[in-house]
Amino acid sequence: MVVGSDISRYPNTPRPTCRGYLHKRTQSAILKGWRKRWFVLKHNGHLHYYRHKKDEGKCRPLEVTKLEGAEIGVDTSLGKPFVFKCIPQSGNRIFYFCATSNQEMKRWLEAMDKAVHP
């Protein structure tokens, strides 16, 4: 049994394809900068994010984005290493993410690419 997980209660629920902390660029009228958020990429191609890891499964996600058909890739325009972007098909928003390493960025890009092209 895995402590702190709902896998035992829902054994047929597939595990997320990718999860972990990323920094998400904030572009609101009031706040600008990078916020650390807990991201979960589900098998259905939806990217959920939460304020903290502990919120997953307890709170509603701050946002859910469908990745199918999205444009994803490395971004060098912000002058920061390990940055990649996601432009979902629905909506007029661009998400900028920053990983902690090149390996972590590649892990997310591979997982997202599978969600973009199911």
C-alpha atoms as a PDB file:
ATOM      1  CA  MET A   1       0.000   0.000   0.000  1.00  0.00           C
ATOM      2  CA  VAL A   2       1.251   3.484  -0.865  1.00  0.00           C
ATOM      3  CA  VAL A   3       0.912   5.907   2.041  1.00  0.00           C
ATOM      4  CA  GLY A   4      -0.649   9.272   1.182  1.00  0.00           C
ATOM      5  CA  SER A   5      -2.119   8.081  -2.085  1.00  0.00           C
ATOM      6  CA  ASP A   6      -5.601   7.241  -3.281  1.00  0.00           C
ATOM      7  CA  ILE A   7      -4.316   4.400  -5.525  1.00  0.00           C
ATOM      8  CA  SER A   8      -5.528   1.768  -3.034  1.00  0.00           C
ATOM      9  CA  ARG A   9      -9.068   3.178  -3.083  1.00  0.00           C
ATOM     10  CA  TYR A  10      -9.151   3.475  -6.889  1.00  0.00           C
ATOM     11  CA  PRO A  11      -6.960   0.618  -8.201  1.00  0.00           C
ATOM     12  CA  ASN A  12      -8.210   0.951 -11.803  1.00  0.00           C
ATOM     13  CA  THR A  13      -7.380   4.652 -12.055  1.00  0.00           C
ATOM     14  CA  PRO A  14      -4.295   5.106 -14.252  1.00  0.00           C
ATOM     15  CA  ARG A  15      -1.387   6.932 -12.668  1.00  0.00           C
ATOM     16  CA  PRO A  16      -0.613  10.352 -14.137  1.00  0.00           C
ATOM     17  CA  THR A  17       1.864  10.277 -17.003  1.00  0.00           C
ATOM     18  CA  CYS A  18       3.935  13.085 -15.477  1.00  0.00           C
ATOM     19  CA  ARG A  19       3.862  15.106 -12.268  1.00  0.00           C
ATOM     20  CA  GLY A  20       6.118  17.490 -10.458  1.00  0.00           C
ATOM     21  CA  TYR A  21       6.945  21.073  -9.632  1.00  0.00           C
ATOM     22  CA  LEU A  22       7.502  23.598 -12.410  1.00  0.00           C
ATOM     23  CA  HIS A  23       7.685  27.373 -12.331  1.00  0.00           C
ATOM     24  CA  LYS A  24       4.861  28.978 -14.316  1.00  0.00           C
ATOM     25  CA  ARG A  25       5.182  32.486 -15.643  1.00  0.00           C
ATOM     26  CA  THR A  26       2.545  34.847 -14.263  1.00  0.00           C
ATOM     27  CA  GLN A  27       1.352  37.611 -16.559  1.00  0.00           C
ATOM     28  CA  SER A  28      -1.571  39.131 -14.716  1.00  0.00           C
ATOM     29  CA  ALA A  29      -2.093  42.867 -14.535  1.00  0.00           C
ATOM     30  CA  ILE A  30      -0.984  42.884 -10.896  1.00  0.00           C
ATOM     31  CA  LEU A  31       1.586  40.081 -10.649  1.00  0.00           C
ATOM     32  CA  LYS A  32       4.449  39.378 -12.981  1.00  0.00           C
ATOM     33  CA  GLY A  33       7.157  36.784 -12.511  1.00  0.00           C
ATOM     34  CA  TRP A  34       7.414  33.053 -11.855  1.00  0.00           C
ATOM     35  CA  ARG A  35       5.337  30.973  -9.446  1.00  0.00           C
ATOM     36  CA  LYS A  36       6.206  27.467  -8.327  1.00  0.00           C
ATOM     37  CA  ARG A  37       3.240  25.155  -8.943  1.00  0.00           C
ATOM     38  CA  TRP A  38       2.558  21.402  -8.753  1.00  0.00           C
ATOM     39  CA  PHE A  39       1.646  20.047 -12.199  1.00  0.00           C
ATOM     40  CA  VAL A  40      -0.062  16.753 -13.017  1.00  0.00           C
ATOM     41  CA  LEU A  41      -0.420  15.539 -16.600  1.00  0.00           C
ATOM     42  CA  LYS A  42      -3.225  12.987 -16.720  1.00  0.00           C
ATOM     43  CA  HIS A  43      -3.608  10.072 -19.167  1.00  0.00           C
ATOM     44  CA  ASN A  44      -6.515  11.878 -20.834  1.00  0.00           C
ATOM     45  CA  GLY A  45      -4.146  14.650 -21.957  1.00  0.00           C
ATOM     46  CA  HIS A  46      -5.321  17.241 -19.439  1.00  0.00           C
ATOM     47  CA  LEU A  47      -2.729  19.258 -17.531  1.00  0.00           C
ATOM     48  CA  HIS A  48      -3.821  20.140 -13.994  1.00  0.00           C
ATOM     49  CA  TYR A  49      -1.967  22.431 -11.669  1.00  0.00           C
ATOM     50  CA  TYR A  50      -2.162  23.199  -7.984  1.00  0.00           C
ATOM     51  CA  ARG A  51      -0.486  25.591  -5.591  1.00  0.00           C
ATOM     52  CA  HIS A  52       1.191  22.737  -3.692  1.00  0.00           C
ATOM     53  CA  LYS A  53       1.788  18.999  -4.069  1.00  0.00           C
ATOM     54  CA  LYS A  54      -0.405  18.335  -1.010  1.00  0.00           C
ATOM     55  CA  ASP A  55      -3.385  19.941  -2.796  1.00  0.00           C
ATOM     56  CA  GLU A  56      -3.555  17.198  -5.444  1.00  0.00           C
ATOM     57  CA  GLY A  57      -6.572  15.021  -4.718  1.00  0.00           C
ATOM     58  CA  LYS A  58      -7.751  17.326  -1.905  1.00  0.00           C
ATOM     59  CA  CYS A  59      -8.511  20.591  -3.713  1.00  0.00           C
ATOM     60  CA  ARG A  60      -9.763  21.464  -7.137  1.00  0.00           C
ATOM     61  CA  PRO A  61      -6.929  22.338  -9.516  1.00  0.00           C
ATOM     62  CA  LEU A  62      -6.252  26.025 -10.107  1.00  0.00           C
ATOM     63  CA  GLU A  63      -6.648  25.293 -13.810  1.00  0.00           C
ATOM     64  CA  VAL A  64      -7.088  22.369 -16.199  1.00  0.00           C
ATOM     65  CA  THR A  65      -5.806  22.658 -19.768  1.00  0.00           C
ATOM     66  CA  LYS A  66      -6.439  20.204 -22.594  1.00  0.00           C
ATOM     67  CA  LEU A  67      -3.144  19.581 -24.415  1.00  0.00           C
ATOM     68  CA  GLU A  68      -4.454  17.725 -27.480  1.00  0.00           C
ATOM     69  CA  GLY A  69      -3.499  19.737 -30.556  1.00  0.00           C
ATOM     70  CA  ALA A  70      -1.431  22.235 -28.526  1.00  0.00           C
ATOM     71  CA  GLU A  71       1.869  23.649 -29.709  1.00  0.00           C
ATOM     72  CA  ILE A  72       4.742  22.918 -27.334  1.00  0.00           C
ATOM     73  CA  GLY A  73       8.466  23.515 -27.453  1.00  0.00           C
ATOM     74  CA  VAL A  74      11.600  25.026 -25.946  1.00  0.00           C
ATOM     75  CA  ASP A  75      11.551  28.809 -25.618  1.00  0.00           C
ATOM     76  CA  THR A  76      14.683  30.962 -25.552  1.00  0.00           C
ATOM     77  CA  SER A  77      12.973  34.362 -25.841  1.00  0.00           C
ATOM     78  CA  LEU A  78      12.892  34.956 -22.069  1.00  0.00           C
ATOM     79  CA  GLY A  79      16.648  34.564 -21.589  1.00  0.00           C
ATOM     80  CA  LYS A  80      16.219  31.904 -18.913  1.00  0.00           C
ATOM     81  CA  PRO A  81      17.419  28.276 -19.105  1.00  0.00           C
ATOM     82  CA  PHE A  82      15.045  25.268 -19.178  1.00  0.00           C
ATOM     83  CA  VAL A  83      12.023  27.303 -20.315  1.00  0.00           C
ATOM     84  CA  PHE A  84       9.378  25.766 -22.557  1.00  0.00           C
ATOM     85  CA  LYS A  85       5.998  26.956 -23.696  1.00  0.00           C
ATOM     86  CA  CYS A  86       2.599  25.494 -24.403  1.00  0.00           C
ATOM     87  CA  ILE A  87      -0.011  27.107 -26.641  1.00  0.00           C
ATOM     88  CA  PRO A  88      -3.298  25.202 -26.251  1.00  0.00           C
ATOM     89  CA  GLN A  89      -5.602  24.912 -29.259  1.00  0.00           C
ATOM     90  CA  SER A  90      -8.508  26.302 -27.269  1.00  0.00           C
ATOM     91  CA  GLY A  91      -8.042  29.771 -25.894  1.00  0.00           C
ATOM     92  CA  ASN A  92      -5.648  32.565 -26.667  1.00  0.00           C
ATOM     93  CA  ARG A  93      -3.179  31.915 -23.871  1.00  0.00           C
ATOM     94  CA  ILE A  94       0.491  30.978 -23.876  1.00  0.00           C
ATOM     95  CA  PHE A  95       1.844  29.073 -20.889  1.00  0.00           C
ATOM     96  CA  TYR A  96       5.542  29.450 -20.078  1.00  0.00           C
ATOM     97  CA  PHE A  97       7.096  26.832 -17.804  1.00  0.00           C
ATOM     98  CA  CYS A  98      10.564  26.671 -16.275  1.00  0.00           C
ATOM     99  CA  ALA A  99      12.059  23.351 -15.162  1.00  0.00           C
ATOM    100  CA  THR A 100      14.948  22.925 -12.739  1.00  0.00           C
ATOM    101  CA  SER A 101      17.183  21.085 -15.232  1.00  0.00           C
ATOM    102  CA  ASN A 102      17.494  20.155 -18.875  1.00  0.00           C
ATOM    103  CA  GLN A 103      16.626  16.537 -18.000  1.00  0.00           C
ATOM    104  CA  GLU A 104      13.445  17.637 -16.203  1.00  0.00           C
ATOM    105  CA  MET A 105      12.465  19.874 -19.130  1.00  0.00           C
ATOM    106  CA  LYS A 106      12.942  16.977 -21.582  1.00  0.00           C
ATOM    107  CA  ARG A 107      10.823  14.689 -19.359  1.00  0.00           C
ATOM    108  CA  TRP A 108       7.950  17.168 -19.436  1.00  0.00           C
ATOM    109  CA  LEU A 109       8.281  17.888 -23.163  1.00  0.00           C
ATOM    110  CA  GLU A 110       8.173  14.157 -23.992  1.00  0.00           C
ATOM    111  CA  ALA A 111       5.111  13.590 -21.798  1.00  0.00           C
ATOM    112  CA  MET A 112       3.336  16.663 -23.187  1.00  0.00           C
ATOM    113  CA  ASP A 113       4.169  15.665 -26.756  1.00  0.00           C
ATOM    114  CA  LYS A 114       2.371  12.331 -26.180  1.00  0.00           C
ATOM    115  CA  ALA A 115      -0.654  14.245 -24.875  1.00  0.00           C
ATOM    116  CA  VAL A 116      -0.590  16.649 -27.840  1.00  0.00           C
ATOM    117  CA  HIS A 117      -0.548  13.755 -30.341  1.00  0.00           C
ATOM    118  CA  PRO A 118      -2.582  10.955 -28.720  1.00  0.00           C
END
